[in-house]
PDB file of N, CA and C in Angstrom:
ATOM      1  N   UNK A   1     -22.168   0.088   6.439  1.00  0.00           N
ATOM      2  CA  UNK A   1     -20.754  -0.996   7.161  1.00  0.00           C
ATOM      3  C   UNK A   1     -19.676  -0.717   6.435  1.00  0.00           C
ATOM      4  N   UNK A   2     -19.491  -0.537   4.677  1.00  0.00           N
ATOM      5  CA  UNK A   2     -17.878  -0.076   4.276  1.00  0.00           C
ATOM      6  C   UNK A   2     -17.638   1.188   4.384  1.00  0.00           C
ATOM      7  N   UNK A   3     -18.538   2.134   4.594  1.00  0.00           N
ATOM      8  CA  UNK A   3     -18.272   3.193   5.035  1.00  0.00           C
ATOM      9  C   UNK A   3     -17.514   3.191   6.171  1.00  0.00           C
ATOM     10  N   UNK A   4     -18.022   2.846   7.073  1.00  0.00           N
ATOM     11  CA  UNK A   4     -17.301   2.552   8.727  1.00  0.00           C
ATOM     12  C   UNK A   4     -15.870   2.475   8.629  1.00  0.00           C
ATOM     13  N   UNK A   5     -15.634   0.829   7.922  1.00  0.00           N
ATOM     14  CA  UNK A   5     -14.579   0.603   7.951  1.00  0.00           C
ATOM     15  C   UNK A   5     -13.925   1.320   7.162  1.00  0.00           C
ATOM     16  N   UNK A   6     -14.160   2.053   5.808  1.00  0.00           N
ATOM     17  CA  UNK A   6     -13.139   2.789   5.421  1.00  0.00           C
ATOM     18  C   UNK A   6     -12.374   4.102   5.820  1.00  0.00           C
ATOM     19  N   UNK A   7     -13.517   4.618   6.688  1.00  0.00           N
ATOM     20  CA  UNK A   7     -13.482   5.484   7.740  1.00  0.00           C
ATOM     21  C   UNK A   7     -12.749   5.010   8.771  1.00  0.00           C
ATOM     22  N   UNK A   8     -12.333   4.091   9.305  1.00  0.00           N
ATOM     23  CA  UNK A   8     -11.739   3.751  10.743  1.00  0.00           C
ATOM     24  C   UNK A   8     -10.019   3.523  10.108  1.00  0.00           C
ATOM     25  N   UNK A   9     -10.182   2.906   8.857  1.00  0.00           N
ATOM     26  CA  UNK A   9      -8.864   2.456   7.713  1.00  0.00           C
ATOM     27  C   UNK A   9      -8.261   3.864   7.776  1.00  0.00           C
ATOM     28  N   UNK A  10      -8.837   4.836   7.559  1.00  0.00           N
ATOM     29  CA  UNK A  10      -8.216   5.902   6.936  1.00  0.00           C
ATOM     30  C   UNK A  10      -7.786   6.733   8.083  1.00  0.00           C
ATOM     31  N   UNK A  11      -8.454   6.695   9.139  1.00  0.00           N
ATOM     32  CA  UNK A  11      -7.857   6.963  10.616  1.00  0.00           C
ATOM     33  C   UNK A  11      -6.254   6.217  11.483  1.00  0.00           C
ATOM     34  N   UNK A  12      -6.468   5.286  10.981  1.00  0.00           N
ATOM     35  CA  UNK A  12      -4.952   4.284  10.951  1.00  0.00           C
ATOM     36  C   UNK A  12      -4.417   5.072   9.899  1.00  0.00           C
ATOM     37  N   UNK A  13      -4.235   4.851   9.165  1.00  0.00           N
ATOM     38  CA  UNK A  13      -3.419   4.999   8.385  1.00  0.00           C
ATOM     39  C   UNK A  13      -2.853   6.486   8.142  1.00  0.00           C
ATOM     40  N   UNK A  14      -3.917   7.251   8.505  1.00  0.00           N
ATOM     41  CA  UNK A  14      -3.528   8.715   9.248  1.00  0.00           C
ATOM     42  C   UNK A  14      -2.421   9.118  10.267  1.00  0.00           C
ATOM     43  N   UNK A  15      -3.076   8.083  11.190  1.00  0.00           N
ATOM     44  CA  UNK A  15      -2.527   8.047  12.616  1.00  0.00           C
ATOM     45  C   UNK A  15      -0.929   7.503  12.136  1.00  0.00           C
ATOM     46  N   UNK A  16      -0.983   6.530  11.447  1.00  0.00           N
ATOM     47  CA  UNK A  16       0.485   5.616  11.447  1.00  0.00           C
ATOM     48  C   UNK A  16       1.646   6.639  11.145  1.00  0.00           C
ATOM     49  N   UNK A  17       0.862   7.637   9.704  1.00  0.00           N
ATOM     50  CA  UNK A  17       1.630   7.923   8.534  1.00  0.00           C
ATOM     51  C   UNK A  17       2.607   8.989   9.255  1.00  0.00           C
ATOM     52  N   UNK A  18       4.106   8.852   9.239  1.00  0.00           N
ATOM     53  CA  UNK A  18       4.850   9.764   9.179  1.00  0.00           C
ATOM     54  C   UNK A  18       5.716  10.657   8.647  1.00  0.00           C
ATOM     55  N   UNK A  19       5.996  11.565   8.033  1.00  0.00           N
ATOM     56  CA  UNK A  19       6.418  12.254   6.468  1.00  0.00           C
ATOM     57  C   UNK A  19       7.006  13.399   6.911  1.00  0.00           C
ATOM     58  N   UNK A  20       8.477  13.688   7.498  1.00  0.00           N
ATOM     59  CA  UNK A  20       9.024  14.936   7.677  1.00  0.00           C
ATOM     60  C   UNK A  20       8.383  16.062   6.553  1.00  0.00           C
ATOM     61  N   UNK A  21       8.316  16.784   7.047  1.00  0.00           N
ATOM     62  CA  UNK A  21       7.866  18.073   6.267  1.00  0.00           C
ATOM     63  C   UNK A  21       8.747  18.297   4.853  1.00  0.00           C
ATOM     64  N   UNK A  22      10.314  18.641   5.688  1.00  0.00           N
ATOM     65  CA  UNK A  22      11.414  19.002   4.766  1.00  0.00           C
ATOM     66  C   UNK A  22      11.511  18.127   3.380  1.00  0.00           C
ATOM     67  N   UNK A  23      11.175  16.749   3.635  1.00  0.00           N
ATOM     68  CA  UNK A  23      11.269  15.348   3.000  1.00  0.00           C
ATOM     69  C   UNK A  23      10.438  15.318   1.884  1.00  0.00           C
ATOM     70  N   UNK A  24       9.443  15.922   2.274  1.00  0.00           N
ATOM     71  CA  UNK A  24       7.622  15.690   1.757  1.00  0.00           C
ATOM     72  C   UNK A  24       7.920  16.927   0.882  1.00  0.00           C
ATOM     73  N   UNK A  25       8.491  18.114   0.911  1.00  0.00           N
ATOM     74  CA  UNK A  25       8.647  19.419   0.448  1.00  0.00           C
ATOM     75  C   UNK A  25       9.640  18.847  -0.743  1.00  0.00           C
ATOM     76  N   UNK A  26      10.632  18.413  -0.541  1.00  0.00           N
ATOM     77  CA  UNK A  26      11.998  18.073  -1.524  1.00  0.00           C
ATOM     78  C   UNK A  26      11.334  17.282  -2.365  1.00  0.00           C
ATOM     79  N   UNK A  27      11.349  16.238  -2.246  1.00  0.00           N
ATOM     80  CA  UNK A  27      10.715  14.794  -3.238  1.00  0.00           C
ATOM     81  C   UNK A  27       9.554  14.276  -3.108  1.00  0.00           C
ATOM     82  N   UNK A  28       8.466  14.692  -2.179  1.00  0.00           N
ATOM     83  CA  UNK A  28       7.197  13.882  -1.969  1.00  0.00           C
ATOM     84  C   UNK A  28       7.265  12.817  -1.346  1.00  0.00           C
ATOM     85  N   UNK A  29       8.370  11.893  -1.287  1.00  0.00           N
ATOM     86  CA  UNK A  29       8.867  10.983  -0.613  1.00  0.00           C
ATOM     87  C   UNK A  29       9.941  10.715   0.214  1.00  0.00           C
ATOM     88  N   UNK A  30       9.670  10.173   1.120  1.00  0.00           N
ATOM     89  CA  UNK A  30      10.843   9.867   2.443  1.00  0.00           C
ATOM     90  C   UNK A  30      11.457   8.343   2.409  1.00  0.00           C
ATOM     91  N   UNK A  31      12.627   9.208   1.373  1.00  0.00           N
ATOM     92  CA  UNK A  31      13.400   8.453   0.490  1.00  0.00           C
ATOM     93  C   UNK A  31      13.890   7.254   1.974  1.00  0.00           C
ATOM     94  N   UNK A  32      14.500   7.857   3.159  1.00  0.00           N
ATOM     95  CA  UNK A  32      14.957   6.797   4.144  1.00  0.00           C
ATOM     96  C   UNK A  32      13.869   5.988   4.537  1.00  0.00           C
ATOM     97  N   UNK A  33      12.728   6.109   4.434  1.00  0.00           N
ATOM     98  CA  UNK A  33      11.605   4.937   5.015  1.00  0.00           C
ATOM     99  C   UNK A  33      11.736   3.556   5.459  1.00  0.00           C
ATOM    100  N   UNK A  34      12.399   2.838   3.919  1.00  0.00           N
ATOM    101  CA  UNK A  34      12.552   1.502   4.953  1.00  0.00           C
ATOM    102  C   UNK A  34      13.646   1.454   5.933  1.00  0.00           C
ATOM    103  N   UNK A  35      14.760   1.853   6.291  1.00  0.00           N
ATOM    104  CA  UNK A  35      15.748   1.984   6.935  1.00  0.00           C
ATOM    105  C   UNK A  35      15.095   2.675   8.302  1.00  0.00           C
ATOM    106  N   UNK A  36      14.082   3.736   8.517  1.00  0.00           N
ATOM    107  CA  UNK A  36      13.402   4.268   9.578  1.00  0.00           C
ATOM    108  C   UNK A  36      12.807   3.052  10.392  1.00  0.00           C
ATOM    109  N   UNK A  37      11.544   2.606   9.025  1.00  0.00           N
ATOM    110  CA  UNK A  37      10.786   1.912   9.576  1.00  0.00           C
ATOM    111  C   UNK A  37      11.166   0.502  10.137  1.00  0.00           C
ATOM    112  N   UNK A  38      12.447  -0.199   9.634  1.00  0.00           N
ATOM    113  CA  UNK A  38      13.029  -1.160  10.141  1.00  0.00           C
ATOM    114  C   UNK A  38      13.634  -1.314  11.769  1.00  0.00           C
ATOM    115  N   UNK A  39      14.336  -0.174  12.013  1.00  0.00           N
ATOM    116  CA  UNK A  39      14.693   0.446  12.882  1.00  0.00           C
ATOM    117  C   UNK A  39      13.676   0.624  14.121  1.00  0.00           C
ATOM    118  N   UNK A  40      12.069   1.344  13.560  1.00  0.00           N
ATOM    119  CA  UNK A  40      11.525   1.030  14.452  1.00  0.00           C
ATOM    120  C   UNK A  40      10.552  -0.038  14.962  1.00  0.00           C
ATOM    121  N   UNK A  41      10.730  -1.056  14.097  1.00  0.00           N
ATOM    122  CA  UNK A  41       9.952  -2.422  14.298  1.00  0.00           C
ATOM    123  C   UNK A  41       8.914  -1.873  13.535  1.00  0.00           C
ATOM    124  N   UNK A  42       8.526  -0.995  12.188  1.00  0.00           N
ATOM    125  CA  UNK A  42       6.894  -0.732  11.775  1.00  0.00           C
ATOM    126  C   UNK A  42       7.569  -0.977  10.322  1.00  0.00           C
ATOM    127  N   UNK A  43       6.771  -2.000   9.924  1.00  0.00           N
ATOM    128  CA  UNK A  43       6.656  -2.178   8.675  1.00  0.00           C
ATOM    129  C   UNK A  43       5.326  -2.066   8.206  1.00  0.00           C
ATOM    130  N   UNK A  44       5.659  -1.690   6.641  1.00  0.00           N
ATOM    131  CA  UNK A  44       3.794  -1.537   5.833  1.00  0.00           C
ATOM    132  C   UNK A  44       3.868  -2.847   5.465  1.00  0.00           C
ATOM    133  N   UNK A  45       2.400  -3.339   6.481  1.00  0.00           N
ATOM    134  CA  UNK A  45       2.062  -4.923   6.297  1.00  0.00           C
ATOM    135  C   UNK A  45       1.147  -4.878   4.997  1.00  0.00           C
ATOM    136  N   UNK A  46       0.896  -5.850   4.863  1.00  0.00           N
ATOM    137  CA  UNK A  46      -0.088  -6.237   3.192  1.00  0.00           C
ATOM    138  C   UNK A  46      -1.317  -5.609   3.335  1.00  0.00           C
ATOM    139  N   UNK A  47      -1.856  -5.570   4.643  1.00  0.00           N
ATOM    140  CA  UNK A  47      -3.100  -4.499   4.925  1.00  0.00           C
ATOM    141  C   UNK A  47      -2.708  -2.836   4.427  1.00  0.00           C
ATOM    142  N   UNK A  48      -2.097  -2.595   4.950  1.00  0.00           N
ATOM    143  CA  UNK A  48      -1.352  -1.102   5.267  1.00  0.00           C
ATOM    144  C   UNK A  48      -1.244  -0.838   3.260  1.00  0.00           C
ATOM    145  N   UNK A  49      -0.451  -1.529   2.802  1.00  0.00           N
ATOM    146  CA  UNK A  49       0.070  -1.663   1.617  1.00  0.00           C
ATOM    147  C   UNK A  49      -1.291  -1.622  -0.014  1.00  0.00           C
ATOM    148  N   UNK A  50      -2.169  -2.517   0.689  1.00  0.00           N
ATOM    149  CA  UNK A  50      -3.538  -2.580  -0.422  1.00  0.00           C
ATOM    150  C   UNK A  50      -4.518  -1.135   0.062  1.00  0.00           C
ATOM    151  N   UNK A  51      -4.366  -0.546   1.700  1.00  0.00           N
ATOM    152  CA  UNK A  51      -5.332   0.425   1.774  1.00  0.00           C
ATOM    153  C   UNK A  51      -4.563   1.508   1.337  1.00  0.00           C
ATOM    154  N   UNK A  52      -3.189   1.550   1.137  1.00  0.00           N
ATOM    155  CA  UNK A  52      -2.827   2.622   0.454  1.00  0.00           C
ATOM    156  C   UNK A  52      -2.878   3.191  -1.199  1.00  0.00           C
ATOM    157  N   UNK A  53      -2.838   1.766  -1.479  1.00  0.00           N
ATOM    158  CA  UNK A  53      -3.271   1.640  -2.766  1.00  0.00           C
ATOM    159  C   UNK A  53      -4.651   2.426  -3.360  1.00  0.00           C
ATOM    160  N   UNK A  54      -5.324   1.520  -2.767  1.00  0.00           N
ATOM    161  CA  UNK A  54      -7.202   1.877  -2.317  1.00  0.00           C
ATOM    162  C   UNK A  54      -6.750   3.375  -2.552  1.00  0.00           C
ATOM    163  N   UNK A  55      -6.479   3.782  -1.407  1.00  0.00           N
ATOM    164  CA  UNK A  55      -6.622   5.532  -1.466  1.00  0.00           C
ATOM    165  C   UNK A  55      -5.943   6.195  -2.292  1.00  0.00           C
ATOM    166  N   UNK A  56      -4.971   5.643  -3.245  1.00  0.00           N
ATOM    167  CA  UNK A  56      -4.656   6.173  -4.459  1.00  0.00           C
ATOM    168  C   UNK A  56      -3.254   6.750  -4.395  1.00  0.00           C
ATOM    169  N   UNK A  57      -2.171   6.346  -3.404  1.00  0.00           N
ATOM    170  CA  UNK A  57      -0.968   6.550  -3.046  1.00  0.00           C
ATOM    171  C   UNK A  57      -0.175   6.127  -3.788  1.00  0.00           C
ATOM    172  N   UNK A  58      -0.548   5.129  -4.412  1.00  0.00           N
ATOM    173  CA  UNK A  58       0.558   4.711  -5.636  1.00  0.00           C
ATOM    174  C   UNK A  58       0.504   4.874  -7.243  1.00  0.00           C
ATOM    175  N   UNK A  59      -1.019   6.181  -7.333  1.00  0.00           N
ATOM    176  CA  UNK A  59      -1.223   6.395  -8.753  1.00  0.00           C
ATOM    177  C   UNK A  59      -0.140   6.969  -9.793  1.00  0.00           C
ATOM    178  N   UNK A  60       1.029   7.273  -9.077  1.00  0.00           N
ATOM    179  CA  UNK A  60       2.257   7.898  -9.965  1.00  0.00           C
ATOM    180  C   UNK A  60       3.119   6.703  -9.983  1.00  0.00           C
ATOM    181  N   UNK A  61       2.720   5.410  -9.748  1.00  0.00           N
ATOM    182  CA  UNK A  61       3.064   4.192 -10.455  1.00  0.00           C
ATOM    183  C   UNK A  61       2.174   3.606 -11.226  1.00  0.00           C
ATOM    184  N   UNK A  62       1.419   4.215 -11.545  1.00  0.00           N
ATOM    185  CA  UNK A  62       0.471   3.507 -12.332  1.00  0.00           C
ATOM    186  C   UNK A  62      -0.611   2.332 -11.930  1.00  0.00           C
ATOM    187  N   UNK A  63      -0.712   2.362 -10.370  1.00  0.00           N
ATOM    188  CA  UNK A  63      -1.673   1.732  -9.706  1.00  0.00           C
ATOM    189  C   UNK A  63      -3.016   2.669  -9.715  1.00  0.00           C
ATOM    190  N   UNK A  64      -3.977   2.137 -10.356  1.00  0.00           N
ATOM    191  CA  UNK A  64      -5.373   2.966  -9.885  1.00  0.00           C
ATOM    192  C   UNK A  64      -5.641   3.054  -8.616  1.00  0.00           C
ATOM    193  N   UNK A  65      -6.744   3.752  -8.223  1.00  0.00           N
ATOM    194  CA  UNK A  65      -7.298   3.494  -6.581  1.00  0.00           C
ATOM    195  C   UNK A  65      -8.579   3.369  -6.569  1.00  0.00           C
ATOM    196  N   UNK A  66      -9.410   3.300  -5.436  1.00  0.00           N
ATOM    197  CA  UNK A  66     -10.328   2.703  -5.165  1.00  0.00           C
ATOM    198  C   UNK A  66     -11.230   1.620  -6.083  1.00  0.00           C
ATOM    199  N   UNK A  67     -12.416   2.021  -6.769  1.00  0.00           N
ATOM    200  CA  UNK A  67     -12.869   0.894  -7.527  1.00  0.00           C
ATOM    201  C   UNK A  67     -12.213   0.577  -8.881  1.00  0.00           C
ATOM    202  N   UNK A  68     -11.335   1.054  -9.127  1.00  0.00           N
ATOM    203  CA  UNK A  68     -10.681   0.890 -10.682  1.00  0.00           C
ATOM    204  C   UNK A  68      -9.855   0.179 -10.188  1.00  0.00           C
ATOM    205  N   UNK A  69      -8.734   0.307  -8.683  1.00  0.00           N
ATOM    206  CA  UNK A  69      -7.993  -0.611  -8.068  1.00  0.00           C
ATOM    207  C   UNK A  69      -8.607  -2.245  -8.074  1.00  0.00           C
ATOM    208  N   UNK A  70      -9.640  -2.271  -7.917  1.00  0.00           N
ATOM    209  CA  UNK A  70     -10.682  -3.236  -7.354  1.00  0.00           C
ATOM    210  C   UNK A  70     -10.951  -3.517  -8.593  1.00  0.00           C
ATOM    211  N   UNK A  71     -11.614  -3.345 -10.112  1.00  0.00           N
ATOM    212  CA  UNK A  71     -11.637  -4.067 -11.167  1.00  0.00           C
ATOM    213  C   UNK A  71     -10.434  -3.893 -11.855  1.00  0.00           C
ATOM    214  N   UNK A  72      -9.134  -3.870 -11.779  1.00  0.00           N
ATOM    215  CA  UNK A  72      -7.767  -3.866 -12.333  1.00  0.00           C
ATOM    216  C   UNK A  72      -7.549  -5.291 -11.668  1.00  0.00           C
ATOM    217  N   UNK A  73      -7.580  -5.852 -10.315  1.00  0.00           N
ATOM    218  CA  UNK A  73      -7.416  -6.743  -9.998  1.00  0.00           C
ATOM    219  C   UNK A  73      -8.180  -8.214 -10.072  1.00  0.00           C
ATOM    220  N   UNK A  74      -9.526  -7.805  -9.953  1.00  0.00           N
ATOM    221  CA  UNK A  74     -10.750  -8.432 -10.604  1.00  0.00           C
ATOM    222  C   UNK A  74     -10.269  -9.008 -12.259  1.00  0.00           C
ATOM    223  N   UNK A  75      -9.791  -7.767 -12.955  1.00  0.00           N
ATOM    224  CA  UNK A  75      -9.821  -8.522 -14.372  1.00  0.00           C
ATOM    225  C   UNK A  75      -8.010  -8.774 -14.680  1.00  0.00           C
ATOM    226  N   UNK A  76      -7.199  -8.954 -13.632  1.00  0.00           N
ATOM    227  CA  UNK A  76      -5.731  -9.634 -13.714  1.00  0.00           C
ATOM    228  C   UNK A  76      -4.748  -8.569 -14.085  1.00  0.00           C
ATOM    229  N   UNK A  77      -5.456  -7.411 -13.714  1.00  0.00           N
ATOM    230  CA  UNK A  77      -4.314  -6.279 -14.524  1.00  0.00           C
ATOM    231  C   UNK A  77      -3.181  -5.516 -13.542  1.00  0.00           C
ATOM    232  N   UNK A  78      -4.104  -5.996 -12.520  1.00  0.00           N
ATOM    233  CA  UNK A  78      -3.342  -5.431 -11.162  1.00  0.00           C
ATOM    234  C   UNK A  78      -3.018  -6.768 -10.125  1.00  0.00           C
ATOM    235  N   UNK A  79      -1.885  -6.878  -9.674  1.00  0.00           N
ATOM    236  CA  UNK A  79      -1.401  -8.109  -9.017  1.00  0.00           C
ATOM    237  C   UNK A  79      -0.666  -7.391  -7.474  1.00  0.00           C
ATOM    238  N   UNK A  80      -0.381  -8.168  -7.010  1.00  0.00           N
ATOM    239  CA  UNK A  80       0.169  -7.869  -5.254  1.00  0.00           C
ATOM    240  C   UNK A  80       1.646  -7.716  -6.117  1.00  0.00           C
ATOM    241  N   UNK A  81       2.196  -8.273  -6.727  1.00  0.00           N
ATOM    242  CA  UNK A  81       3.438  -7.745  -7.167  1.00  0.00           C
ATOM    243  C   UNK A  81       3.528  -6.317  -7.801  1.00  0.00           C
ATOM    244  N   UNK A  82       2.628  -5.992  -8.505  1.00  0.00           N
ATOM    245  CA  UNK A  82       2.635  -4.747  -9.058  1.00  0.00           C
ATOM    246  C   UNK A  82       2.533  -3.890  -8.048  1.00  0.00           C
ATOM    247  N   UNK A  83       1.859  -4.254  -6.635  1.00  0.00           N
ATOM    248  CA  UNK A  83       1.606  -2.958  -5.365  1.00  0.00           C
ATOM    249  C   UNK A  83       3.246  -3.026  -5.039  1.00  0.00           C
ATOM    250  N   UNK A  84       3.264  -4.449  -4.922  1.00  0.00           N
ATOM    251  CA  UNK A  84       4.906  -4.296  -3.902  1.00  0.00           C
ATOM    252  C   UNK A  84       6.020  -3.697  -5.237  1.00  0.00           C
ATOM    253  N   UNK A  85       5.757  -3.496  -6.289  1.00  0.00           N
ATOM    254  CA  UNK A  85       6.550  -3.349  -6.584  1.00  0.00           C
ATOM    255  C   UNK A  85       6.468  -1.558  -7.115  1.00  0.00           C
ATOM    256  N   UNK A  86       5.514  -1.400  -6.771  1.00  0.00           N
ATOM    257  CA  UNK A  86       4.738   0.072  -6.735  1.00  0.00           C
ATOM    258  C   UNK A  86       5.586   0.986  -5.423  1.00  0.00           C
ATOM    259  N   UNK A  87       5.205   0.065  -4.504  1.00  0.00           N
ATOM    260  CA  UNK A  87       6.335   0.534  -3.057  1.00  0.00           C
ATOM    261  C   UNK A  87       7.360   0.319  -2.805  1.00  0.00           C
ATOM    262  N   UNK A  88       8.125  -0.386  -3.555  1.00  0.00           N
ATOM    263  CA  UNK A  88       9.705  -0.273  -3.595  1.00  0.00           C
ATOM    264  C   UNK A  88       9.859   0.587  -4.554  1.00  0.00           C
ATOM    265  N   UNK A  89       9.433   1.008  -5.155  1.00  0.00           N
ATOM    266  CA  UNK A  89       9.794   2.614  -6.425  1.00  0.00           C
ATOM    267  C   UNK A  89       9.868   3.481  -5.356  1.00  0.00           C
ATOM    268  N   UNK A  90       8.434   3.716  -4.821  1.00  0.00           N
ATOM    269  CA  UNK A  90       8.336   4.918  -3.510  1.00  0.00           C
ATOM    270  C   UNK A  90       9.230   4.582  -2.141  1.00  0.00           C
ATOM    271  N   UNK A  91      10.183   3.759  -1.880  1.00  0.00           N
ATOM    272  CA  UNK A  91      10.889   3.850  -1.094  1.00  0.00           C
ATOM    273  C   UNK A  91       9.807   3.434   0.086  1.00  0.00           C
ATOM    274  N   UNK A  92       8.998   2.495  -0.350  1.00  0.00           N
ATOM    275  CA  UNK A  92       7.856   2.409   0.950  1.00  0.00           C
ATOM    276  C   UNK A  92       8.251   1.200   1.553  1.00  0.00           C
ATOM    277  N   UNK A  93       8.631   0.358   0.578  1.00  0.00           N
ATOM    278  CA  UNK A  93       9.149  -1.488   0.752  1.00  0.00           C
ATOM    279  C   UNK A  93      11.096  -1.532   0.322  1.00  0.00           C
ATOM    280  N   UNK A  94      11.555  -2.512   1.170  1.00  0.00           N
ATOM    281  CA  UNK A  94      12.839  -3.282   0.744  1.00  0.00           C
ATOM    282  C   UNK A  94      12.623  -3.731  -0.279  1.00  0.00           C
ATOM    283  N   UNK A  95      14.003  -3.816  -1.004  1.00  0.00           N
ATOM    284  CA  UNK A  95      13.269  -4.797  -2.474  1.00  0.00           C
ATOM    285  C   UNK A  95      12.923  -6.088  -2.320  1.00  0.00           C
ATOM    286  N   UNK A  96      13.511  -6.554  -0.953  1.00  0.00           N
ATOM    287  CA  UNK A  96      13.231  -7.989  -0.877  1.00  0.00           C
ATOM    288  C   UNK A  96      12.153  -8.512  -0.371  1.00  0.00           C
ATOM    289  N   UNK A  97      11.387  -7.195  -0.571  1.00  0.00           N
ATOM    290  CA  UNK A  97       9.560  -7.586  -0.092  1.00  0.00           C
ATOM    291  C   UNK A  97       9.132  -8.590  -1.635  1.00  0.00           C
ATOM    292  N   UNK A  98      10.180  -8.443  -2.974  1.00  0.00           N
ATOM    293  CA  UNK A  98       9.060  -8.927  -3.847  1.00  0.00           C
ATOM    294  C   UNK A  98       9.689 -10.102  -4.186  1.00  0.00           C
ATOM    295  N   UNK A  99      10.386 -11.032  -3.136  1.00  0.00           N
ATOM    296  CA  UNK A  99      10.995 -12.301  -3.358  1.00  0.00           C
ATOM    297  C   UNK A  99      10.764 -12.879  -2.129  1.00  0.00           C
ATOM    298  N   UNK A 100       9.621 -12.228  -1.241  1.00  0.00           N
ATOM    299  CA  UNK A 100       9.315 -13.311  -0.116  1.00  0.00           C
ATOM    300  C   UNK A 100       7.864 -13.059  -0.511  1.00  0.00           C
ATOM    301  N   UNK A 101       7.548 -14.643  -0.331  1.00  0.00           N
ATOM    302  CA  UNK A 101       6.591 -15.315  -1.329  1.00  0.00           C
ATOM    303  C   UNK A 101       4.987 -15.289   0.063  1.00  0.00           C
ATOM    304  N   UNK A 102       5.938 -14.996   1.219  1.00  0.00           N
ATOM    305  CA  UNK A 102       4.383 -14.877   2.361  1.00  0.00           C
ATOM    306  C   UNK A 102       3.781 -13.282   2.065  1.00  0.00           C
ATOM    307  N   UNK A 103       4.691 -12.747   2.202  1.00  0.00           N
ATOM    308  CA  UNK A 103       4.026 -11.059   1.477  1.00  0.00           C
ATOM    309  C   UNK A 103       3.567 -11.142   0.763  1.00  0.00           C
ATOM    310  N   UNK A 104       3.935 -11.426  -0.291  1.00  0.00           N
ATOM    311  CA  UNK A 104       3.271 -11.545  -1.562  1.00  0.00           C
ATOM    312  C   UNK A 104       1.848 -12.042  -1.483  1.00  0.00           C
ATOM    313  N   UNK A 105       1.634 -13.120  -0.861  1.00  0.00           N
ATOM    314  CA  UNK A 105       0.267 -14.117  -0.729  1.00  0.00           C
ATOM    315  C   UNK A 105       0.000 -13.295   0.296  1.00  0.00           C
ATOM    316  N   UNK A 106      -0.128 -12.856   1.218  1.00  0.00           N
ATOM    317  CA  UNK A 106      -0.514 -11.973   2.501  1.00  0.00           C
ATOM    318  C   UNK A 106      -1.268 -10.569   1.858  1.00  0.00           C
ATOM    319  N   UNK A 107      -0.479  -9.945   0.437  1.00  0.00           N
ATOM    320  CA  UNK A 107      -1.066  -9.109  -0.061  1.00  0.00           C
ATOM    321  C   UNK A 107      -2.158  -9.465  -0.782  1.00  0.00           C
ATOM    322  N   UNK A 108      -1.952 -10.471  -1.660  1.00  0.00           N
ATOM    323  CA  UNK A 108      -2.622 -11.104  -2.301  1.00  0.00           C
ATOM    324  C   UNK A 108      -4.092 -11.531  -1.876  1.00  0.00           C
ATOM    325  N   UNK A 109      -4.091 -12.145  -0.703  1.00  0.00           N
ATOM    326  CA  UNK A 109      -5.230 -12.027   0.123  1.00  0.00           C
ATOM    327  C   UNK A 109      -5.683 -10.889   0.509  1.00  0.00           C
ATOM    328  N   UNK A 110      -5.239 -10.016   1.061  1.00  0.00           N
ATOM    329  CA  UNK A 110      -6.056  -8.257   1.004  1.00  0.00           C
ATOM    330  C   UNK A 110      -6.404  -7.705  -0.160  1.00  0.00           C
ATOM    331  N   UNK A 111      -5.944  -7.760  -1.603  1.00  0.00           N
ATOM    332  CA  UNK A 111      -6.783  -7.937  -2.330  1.00  0.00           C
ATOM    333  C   UNK A 111      -8.204  -8.317  -2.845  1.00  0.00           C
ATOM    334  N   UNK A 112      -7.845  -9.870  -2.588  1.00  0.00           N
ATOM    335  CA  UNK A 112      -9.178 -10.623  -2.477  1.00  0.00           C
ATOM    336  C   UNK A 112     -10.171 -10.419  -1.721  1.00  0.00           C
ATOM    337  N   UNK A 113      -9.901 -10.038  -0.337  1.00  0.00           N
ATOM    338  CA  UNK A 113     -10.526  -9.224   0.726  1.00  0.00           C
ATOM    339  C   UNK A 113     -11.493  -8.079   0.155  1.00  0.00           C
ATOM    340  N   UNK A 114     -10.763  -7.276  -0.237  1.00  0.00           N
ATOM    341  CA  UNK A 114     -11.021  -6.017  -0.725  1.00  0.00           C
ATOM    342  C   UNK A 114     -12.151  -6.173  -1.633  1.00  0.00           C
ATOM    343  N   UNK A 115     -11.972  -7.168  -2.545  1.00  0.00           N
ATOM    344  CA  UNK A 115     -12.950  -7.463  -4.165  1.00  0.00           C
ATOM    345  C   UNK A 115     -13.926  -8.201  -3.317  1.00  0.00           C
ATOM    346  N   UNK A 116     -14.187  -8.729  -2.740  1.00  0.00           N
ATOM    347  CA  UNK A 116     -15.049  -9.983  -2.473  1.00  0.00           C
ATOM    348  C   UNK A 116     -15.867  -8.403  -1.277  1.00  0.00           C
ATOM    349  N   UNK A 117     -15.028  -7.694  -0.741  1.00  0.00           N
ATOM    350  CA  UNK A 117     -15.902  -6.843   0.183  1.00  0.00           C
ATOM    351  C   UNK A 117     -16.907  -5.610  -0.733  1.00  0.00           C
ATOM    352  N   UNK A 118     -16.354  -5.805  -1.956  1.00  0.00           N
ATOM    353  CA  UNK A 118     -16.822  -4.721  -2.823  1.00  0.00           C
ATOM    354  C   UNK A 118     -18.092  -5.229  -3.264  1.00  0.00           C
ATOM    355  N   UNK A 119     -18.414  -6.430  -3.335  1.00  0.00           N
ATOM    356  CA  UNK A 119     -19.750  -7.139  -4.297  1.00  0.00           C
ATOM    357  C   UNK A 119     -20.640  -7.194  -3.487  1.00  0.00           C
TER     358      UNK A 119
END
């Protein structure tokens, strides 16, 4: 069941991730993502944020992936705020996300769900 869920989530994220080849080659990060996503009405949802972290997207920012992410969350070493800060540093979220209580709560719920599903 978990394997099927992760496979489906991988397909969703792969289909929704668009990075221009030129930008990816120059910096590895599309720095215009927040502006483009807002213009297109496409945001990084709390679900997508946690899934990206699980897949290792934020390892360069010190966020562990997979089971280490879950263990870090369970131990209180990784929080929703940590994920949001990592996404901001990688230009995947606007800085306003850090003060958005609803967004942070939703990220926390996604982390909780991931933790509960791993047990």
